[in-house]
C-alpha atoms as a PDB file:
ATOM      1  CA  UNK A   1     -95.722  44.007 299.394  1.00  0.00           C
ATOM      2  CA  UNK A   2     -93.185  44.002 296.593  1.00  0.00           C
ATOM      3  CA  UNK A   3     -91.713  47.376 295.758  1.00  0.00           C
ATOM      4  CA  UNK A   4     -89.183  48.177 293.060  1.00  0.00           C
ATOM      5  CA  UNK A   5     -88.045  51.784 292.853  1.00  0.00           C
ATOM      6  CA  UNK A   6     -85.830  52.730 289.938  1.00  0.00           C
ATOM      7  CA  UNK A   7     -83.820  55.944 289.748  1.00  0.00           C
ATOM      8  CA  UNK A   8     -80.821  57.486 288.072  1.00  0.00           C
ATOM      9  CA  UNK A   9     -82.122  58.077 284.581  1.00  0.00           C
ATOM     10  CA  UNK A  10     -81.901  61.354 282.735  1.00  0.00           C
ATOM     11  CA  UNK A  11     -80.955  63.153 279.555  1.00  0.00           C
ATOM     12  CA  UNK A  12     -77.437  62.451 278.374  1.00  0.00           C
ATOM     13  CA  UNK A  13     -75.480  63.099 275.212  1.00  0.00           C
ATOM     14  CA  UNK A  14     -74.320  60.244 273.008  1.00  0.00           C
ATOM     15  CA  UNK A  15     -71.189  58.729 274.498  1.00  0.00           C
ATOM     16  CA  UNK A  16     -72.217  59.705 278.000  1.00  0.00           C
ATOM     17  CA  UNK A  17     -72.763  57.578 281.071  1.00  0.00           C
ATOM     18  CA  UNK A  18     -75.473  56.969 283.640  1.00  0.00           C
ATOM     19  CA  UNK A  19     -75.833  54.707 286.655  1.00  0.00           C
ATOM     20  CA  UNK A  20     -79.282  53.322 287.342  1.00  0.00           C
ATOM     21  CA  UNK A  21     -80.299  52.186 290.798  1.00  0.00           C
ATOM     22  CA  UNK A  22     -83.126  49.908 291.907  1.00  0.00           C
ATOM     23  CA  UNK A  23     -84.229  49.710 295.524  1.00  0.00           C
ATOM     24  CA  UNK A  24     -86.079  46.470 296.187  1.00  0.00           C
ATOM     25  CA  UNK A  25     -88.252  45.559 299.141  1.00  0.00           C
ATOM     26  CA  UNK A  26     -91.073  43.227 300.135  1.00  0.00           C
ATOM     27  CA  UNK A  27     -89.302  40.032 299.107  1.00  0.00           C
ATOM     28  CA  UNK A  28     -86.066  38.219 299.844  1.00  0.00           C
ATOM     29  CA  UNK A  29     -83.931  39.996 297.286  1.00  0.00           C
ATOM     30  CA  UNK A  30     -80.890  37.776 297.705  1.00  0.00           C
ATOM     31  CA  UNK A  31     -82.791  34.672 296.604  1.00  0.00           C
ATOM     32  CA  UNK A  32     -83.779  35.955 293.162  1.00  0.00           C
ATOM     33  CA  UNK A  33     -81.910  36.363 289.914  1.00  0.00           C
ATOM     34  CA  UNK A  34     -82.548  39.963 288.914  1.00  0.00           C
ATOM     35  CA  UNK A  35     -82.659  41.874 285.678  1.00  0.00           C
ATOM     36  CA  UNK A  36     -82.847  45.258 284.076  1.00  0.00           C
ATOM     37  CA  UNK A  37     -85.486  45.627 281.384  1.00  0.00           C
ATOM     38  CA  UNK A  38     -86.233  48.472 279.021  1.00  0.00           C
ATOM     39  CA  UNK A  39     -89.083  49.550 276.836  1.00  0.00           C
ATOM     40  CA  UNK A  40     -88.714  52.036 274.035  1.00  0.00           C
ATOM     41  CA  UNK A  41     -91.734  53.692 272.374  1.00  0.00           C
ATOM     42  CA  UNK A  42     -93.356  51.307 269.941  1.00  0.00           C
ATOM     43  CA  UNK A  43     -91.119  48.415 270.926  1.00  0.00           C
ATOM     44  CA  UNK A  44     -91.544  45.404 273.155  1.00  0.00           C
ATOM     45  CA  UNK A  45     -90.009  45.263 276.579  1.00  0.00           C
ATOM     46  CA  UNK A  46     -86.611  43.581 276.471  1.00  0.00           C
ATOM     47  CA  UNK A  47     -84.324  42.128 279.081  1.00  0.00           C
ATOM     48  CA  UNK A  48     -81.125  44.152 278.877  1.00  0.00           C
ATOM     49  CA  UNK A  49     -79.028  42.541 281.594  1.00  0.00           C
ATOM     50  CA  UNK A  50     -79.394  39.886 284.262  1.00  0.00           C
ATOM     51  CA  UNK A  51     -77.455  38.767 287.308  1.00  0.00           C
ATOM     52  CA  UNK A  52     -77.619  35.652 289.423  1.00  0.00           C
ATOM     53  CA  UNK A  53     -78.361  35.658 293.136  1.00  0.00           C
ATOM     54  CA  UNK A  54     -74.740  35.909 294.248  1.00  0.00           C
ATOM     55  CA  UNK A  55     -73.608  38.032 291.329  1.00  0.00           C
ATOM     56  CA  UNK A  56     -71.342  35.375 289.884  1.00  0.00           C
ATOM     57  CA  UNK A  57     -72.972  35.293 286.480  1.00  0.00           C
ATOM     58  CA  UNK A  58     -74.160  38.201 284.379  1.00  0.00           C
ATOM     59  CA  UNK A  59     -75.713  38.221 280.943  1.00  0.00           C
ATOM     60  CA  UNK A  60     -76.360  41.029 278.485  1.00  0.00           C
ATOM     61  CA  UNK A  61     -78.304  41.556 275.326  1.00  0.00           C
ATOM     62  CA  UNK A  62     -75.870  41.784 272.446  1.00  0.00           C
ATOM     63  CA  UNK A  63     -76.497  45.471 271.799  1.00  0.00           C
ATOM     64  CA  UNK A  64     -75.175  46.534 275.229  1.00  0.00           C
ATOM     65  CA  UNK A  65     -72.317  44.094 275.725  1.00  0.00           C
ATOM     66  CA  UNK A  66     -69.139  45.891 276.692  1.00  0.00           C
ATOM     67  CA  UNK A  67     -71.022  49.082 277.544  1.00  0.00           C
ATOM     68  CA  UNK A  68     -73.368  48.143 280.405  1.00  0.00           C
ATOM     69  CA  UNK A  69     -72.519  46.476 283.699  1.00  0.00           C
ATOM     70  CA  UNK A  70     -75.100  45.019 286.066  1.00  0.00           C
ATOM     71  CA  UNK A  71     -74.301  44.553 289.746  1.00  0.00           C
ATOM     72  CA  UNK A  72     -76.106  44.052 293.032  1.00  0.00           C
ATOM     73  CA  UNK A  73     -75.730  44.564 296.761  1.00  0.00           C
ATOM     74  CA  UNK A  74     -77.715  41.878 298.557  1.00  0.00           C
ATOM     75  CA  UNK A  75     -77.153  43.428 301.973  1.00  0.00           C
ATOM     76  CA  UNK A  76     -78.848  46.604 300.815  1.00  0.00           C
ATOM     77  CA  UNK A  77     -81.332  44.928 298.425  1.00  0.00           C
ATOM     78  CA  UNK A  78     -80.073  47.130 295.632  1.00  0.00           C
ATOM     79  CA  UNK A  79     -79.576  46.503 291.928  1.00  0.00           C
ATOM     80  CA  UNK A  80     -77.428  48.688 289.693  1.00  0.00           C
ATOM     81  CA  UNK A  81     -76.838  49.238 286.008  1.00  0.00           C
ATOM     82  CA  UNK A  82     -73.770  51.181 284.975  1.00  0.00           C
ATOM     83  CA  UNK A  83     -74.224  52.397 281.414  1.00  0.00           C
ATOM     84  CA  UNK A  84     -71.393  53.866 279.381  1.00  0.00           C
ATOM     85  CA  UNK A  85     -70.967  54.978 275.777  1.00  0.00           C
ATOM     86  CA  UNK A  86     -74.684  55.535 275.558  1.00  0.00           C
ATOM     87  CA  UNK A  87     -76.306  55.600 272.141  1.00  0.00           C
ATOM     88  CA  UNK A  88     -79.565  57.038 270.870  1.00  0.00           C
ATOM     89  CA  UNK A  89     -80.969  53.525 270.607  1.00  0.00           C
ATOM     90  CA  UNK A  90     -80.558  53.107 274.373  1.00  0.00           C
ATOM     91  CA  UNK A  91     -83.321  55.653 274.877  1.00  0.00           C
ATOM     92  CA  UNK A  92     -86.080  53.887 276.803  1.00  0.00           C
ATOM     93  CA  UNK A  93     -87.864  53.525 280.095  1.00  0.00           C
ATOM     94  CA  UNK A  94     -85.757  51.231 282.265  1.00  0.00           C
ATOM     95  CA  UNK A  95     -87.174  48.870 284.878  1.00  0.00           C
ATOM     96  CA  UNK A  96     -85.767  46.356 287.315  1.00  0.00           C
ATOM     97  CA  UNK A  97     -87.533  43.104 288.149  1.00  0.00           C
ATOM     98  CA  UNK A  98     -86.906  39.477 288.875  1.00  0.00           C
ATOM     99  CA  UNK A  99     -85.350  37.614 285.964  1.00  0.00           C
ATOM    100  CA  UNK A 100     -85.801  34.047 287.085  1.00  0.00           C
ATOM    101  CA  UNK A 101     -88.085  32.235 287.334  1.00  0.00           C
ATOM    102  CA  UNK A 102     -90.103  35.106 285.872  1.00  0.00           C
ATOM    103  CA  UNK A 103     -90.728  38.761 286.606  1.00  0.00           C
ATOM    104  CA  UNK A 104     -93.174  39.774 289.279  1.00  0.00           C
ATOM    105  CA  UNK A 105     -96.527  40.995 288.025  1.00  0.00           C
ATOM    106  CA  UNK A 106     -95.721  44.207 289.868  1.00  0.00           C
ATOM    107  CA  UNK A 107     -93.537  46.688 287.996  1.00  0.00           C
ATOM    108  CA  UNK A 108     -92.149  49.929 289.355  1.00  0.00           C
ATOM    109  CA  UNK A 109     -92.493  53.283 287.654  1.00  0.00           C
ATOM    110  CA  UNK A 110     -89.210  52.900 285.831  1.00  0.00           C
ATOM    111  CA  UNK A 111     -86.601  55.536 285.126  1.00  0.00           C
ATOM    112  CA  UNK A 112     -86.364  57.320 281.786  1.00  0.00           C
ATOM    113  CA  UNK A 113     -83.096  57.335 279.897  1.00  0.00           C
ATOM    114  CA  UNK A 114     -82.893  59.708 276.965  1.00  0.00           C
ATOM    115  CA  UNK A 115     -79.783  59.847 274.823  1.00  0.00           C
ATOM    116  CA  UNK A 116     -79.754  62.857 272.585  1.00  0.00           C
ATOM    117  CA  UNK A 117     -77.493  65.646 271.473  1.00  0.00           C
END
């Protein structure tokens, strides 16, 4: 069955960096566009970054452009999100899932990112 295991979150000061990792299994990872999503308390889940199957095209929500970088390793079925210059408003629970055609109904446990001094 589909499994998505996110890791790498933590508590970081404003301006700091984190690298999130998603280990995917149970489906043919290389055939899906993937994305990183986040949900902050009281807010809707938003797609933060996406990447096409071969990694040629990436997209970002405006608020993270220039600070976050999404990448993937199809051989290892891994998805990454490098986050730099973190801000308090980046605080959220981060998830990985399929971006296109639409996310799986299954969601992993996510990884918490907290940006605070």
